[in-house]
Every structure is written in C-alpha cells, then in structure tokens.
Amino acid sequence: MRNLLDRMYQNQLTLAAALVELTLHVEKSGFSETSENVRGALHTIGKNAGNIKQALAKLKSKEKRNLTDDRKQATNRYDS
C-alpha cells in the first residue's frame, strides 16, 4: 500500500511540473484567464500533495513502530 501511495505522490508531482510548463506557455500566448484556471488547479494539486506526503510519513512511522514491536515480541519469546 505504501509503495502505491509513493508512486501516486510522485505522479502528482510530475503532473504538476508538466502543468507549470504548459501554464507558462499559455501565459506567453496571452490566455491569462486559462492560465489563472490552471494555477487554481495547481494550487489544489499542491495542497493535496502535501496531505499525501503527510499521510505517507504517518504510514511509514506506523510501519516502523509495528516492526519494532514485532522484534520485541520475538525477542521476548526467545528469552522466555
């Protein structure tokens, strides 16, 4: 699951970068209203990317805690 979320996050960043390039081209062509709409979409992408990044950090932290707990339990069983 974490790997899937990592890939989705990377895709989101890549798409945002491509949209920035297209937005710059659209602005140079004089379509300011269109570029404003795209910038609004980019803002949403950026906000969501931040939320995804936070969720990934929490998931990774939880996985590390679970791994540590599993190791402690295994050690306790061995010591018993």
C-alpha atoms as a PDB file:
ATOM      1  CA  MET A   1       0.000   0.000   0.000  1.00  0.00           C
ATOM      2  CA  ARG A   2       2.768   2.401   0.921  1.00  0.00           C
ATOM      3  CA  ASN A   3       4.547   1.758  -2.381  1.00  0.00           C
ATOM      4  CA  LEU A   4       1.358   2.567  -4.268  1.00  0.00           C
ATOM      5  CA  LEU A   5       0.927   5.816  -2.354  1.00  0.00           C
ATOM      6  CA  ASP A   6       4.565   6.729  -3.018  1.00  0.00           C
ATOM      7  CA  ARG A   7       4.012   6.258  -6.740  1.00  0.00           C
ATOM      8  CA  MET A   8       0.778   8.244  -6.704  1.00  0.00           C
ATOM      9  CA  TYR A   9       2.556  11.072  -4.899  1.00  0.00           C
ATOM     10  CA  GLN A  10       5.414  11.041  -7.441  1.00  0.00           C
ATOM     11  CA  ASN A  11       2.893  11.052 -10.310  1.00  0.00           C
ATOM     12  CA  GLN A  12       1.120  14.022  -8.765  1.00  0.00           C
ATOM     13  CA  LEU A  13       4.383  15.977  -8.527  1.00  0.00           C
ATOM     14  CA  THR A  14       5.280  15.094 -12.118  1.00  0.00           C
ATOM     15  CA  LEU A  15       1.888  16.163 -13.429  1.00  0.00           C
ATOM     16  CA  ALA A  16       2.124  19.422 -11.513  1.00  0.00           C
ATOM     17  CA  ALA A  17       5.523  20.148 -13.071  1.00  0.00           C
ATOM     18  CA  ALA A  18       4.127  19.483 -16.553  1.00  0.00           C
ATOM     19  CA  LEU A  19       1.168  21.769 -15.868  1.00  0.00           C
ATOM     20  CA  VAL A  20       3.501  24.549 -14.759  1.00  0.00           C
ATOM     21  CA  GLU A  21       5.337  24.310 -18.086  1.00  0.00           C
ATOM     22  CA  LEU A  22       2.063  24.396 -20.019  1.00  0.00           C
ATOM     23  CA  THR A  23       0.819  27.314 -17.934  1.00  0.00           C
ATOM     24  CA  LEU A  24       3.908  29.349 -18.764  1.00  0.00           C
ATOM     25  CA  HIS A  25       3.345  28.653 -22.464  1.00  0.00           C
ATOM     26  CA  VAL A  26      -0.341  29.604 -22.206  1.00  0.00           C
ATOM     27  CA  GLU A  27       0.523  32.854 -20.405  1.00  0.00           C
ATOM     28  CA  LYS A  28       3.049  33.803 -23.095  1.00  0.00           C
ATOM     29  CA  SER A  29       0.318  33.210 -25.675  1.00  0.00           C
ATOM     30  CA  GLY A  30      -1.909  35.749 -23.935  1.00  0.00           C
ATOM     31  CA  PHE A  31      -4.533  33.458 -22.447  1.00  0.00           C
ATOM     32  CA  SER A  32      -4.495  34.873 -18.926  1.00  0.00           C
ATOM     33  CA  GLU A  33      -7.911  33.521 -17.909  1.00  0.00           C
ATOM     34  CA  THR A  34      -6.893  29.994 -18.869  1.00  0.00           C
ATOM     35  CA  SER A  35      -3.601  30.307 -17.020  1.00  0.00           C
ATOM     36  CA  GLU A  36      -5.430  31.533 -13.905  1.00  0.00           C
ATOM     37  CA  ASN A  37      -7.672  28.454 -14.051  1.00  0.00           C
ATOM     38  CA  VAL A  38      -4.673  26.173 -14.372  1.00  0.00           C
ATOM     39  CA  ARG A  39      -2.922  27.920 -11.485  1.00  0.00           C
ATOM     40  CA  GLY A  40      -6.019  27.276  -9.373  1.00  0.00           C
ATOM     41  CA  ALA A  41      -5.799  23.588 -10.256  1.00  0.00           C
ATOM     42  CA  LEU A  42      -2.078  23.609  -9.447  1.00  0.00           C
ATOM     43  CA  HIS A  43      -2.852  25.070  -6.030  1.00  0.00           C
ATOM     44  CA  THR A  44      -5.229  22.174  -5.336  1.00  0.00           C
ATOM     45  CA  ILE A  45      -2.659  19.652  -6.586  1.00  0.00           C
ATOM     46  CA  GLY A  46      -0.037  21.186  -4.295  1.00  0.00           C
ATOM     47  CA  LYS A  47      -2.363  21.133  -1.301  1.00  0.00           C
ATOM     48  CA  ASN A  48      -3.300  17.505  -1.931  1.00  0.00           C
ATOM     49  CA  ALA A  49       0.331  16.546  -2.494  1.00  0.00           C
ATOM     50  CA  GLY A  50       1.139  17.959   0.930  1.00  0.00           C
ATOM     51  CA  ASN A  51      -1.626  15.901   2.504  1.00  0.00           C
ATOM     52  CA  ILE A  52      -0.442  12.763   0.712  1.00  0.00           C
ATOM     53  CA  LYS A  53       3.119  13.394   1.882  1.00  0.00           C
ATOM     54  CA  GLN A  54       1.921  13.730   5.500  1.00  0.00           C
ATOM     55  CA  ALA A  55      -0.119  10.527   5.221  1.00  0.00           C
ATOM     56  CA  LEU A  56       2.904   8.691   3.830  1.00  0.00           C
ATOM     57  CA  ALA A  57       5.064   9.924   6.707  1.00  0.00           C
ATOM     58  CA  LYS A  58       2.482   8.681   9.229  1.00  0.00           C
ATOM     59  CA  LEU A  59       2.209   5.346   7.452  1.00  0.00           C
ATOM     60  CA  LYS A  60       5.988   4.899   7.386  1.00  0.00           C
ATOM     61  CA  SER A  61       6.197   5.817  11.072  1.00  0.00           C
ATOM     62  CA  LYS A  62       3.473   3.321  11.942  1.00  0.00           C
ATOM     63  CA  GLU A  63       5.209   0.587   9.934  1.00  0.00           C
ATOM     64  CA  LYS A  64       8.476   1.244  11.799  1.00  0.00           C
ATOM     65  CA  ARG A  65       6.693   1.068  15.175  1.00  0.00           C
ATOM     66  CA  ASN A  66       5.000  -2.185  14.183  1.00  0.00           C
ATOM     67  CA  LEU A  67       8.308  -3.656  13.050  1.00  0.00           C
ATOM     68  CA  THR A  68       9.954  -2.621  16.318  1.00  0.00           C
ATOM     69  CA  ASP A  69       7.074  -4.125  18.315  1.00  0.00           C
ATOM     70  CA  ASP A  70       7.302  -7.364  16.332  1.00  0.00           C
ATOM     71  CA  ARG A  71      11.031  -7.599  17.042  1.00  0.00           C
ATOM     72  CA  LYS A  72      10.470  -7.003  20.754  1.00  0.00           C
ATOM     73  CA  GLN A  73       7.833  -9.725  20.872  1.00  0.00           C
ATOM     74  CA  ALA A  74      10.117 -12.137  19.049  1.00  0.00           C
ATOM     75  CA  THR A  75      12.932 -11.342  21.475  1.00  0.00           C
ATOM     76  CA  ASN A  76      10.649 -11.837  24.468  1.00  0.00           C
ATOM     77  CA  ARG A  77       9.531 -15.226  23.168  1.00  0.00           C
ATOM     78  CA  TYR A  78      13.134 -16.238  22.672  1.00  0.00           C
ATOM     79  CA  ASP A  79      14.107 -15.066  26.148  1.00  0.00           C
ATOM     80  CA  SER A  80      11.226 -16.932  27.818  1.00  0.00           C
END
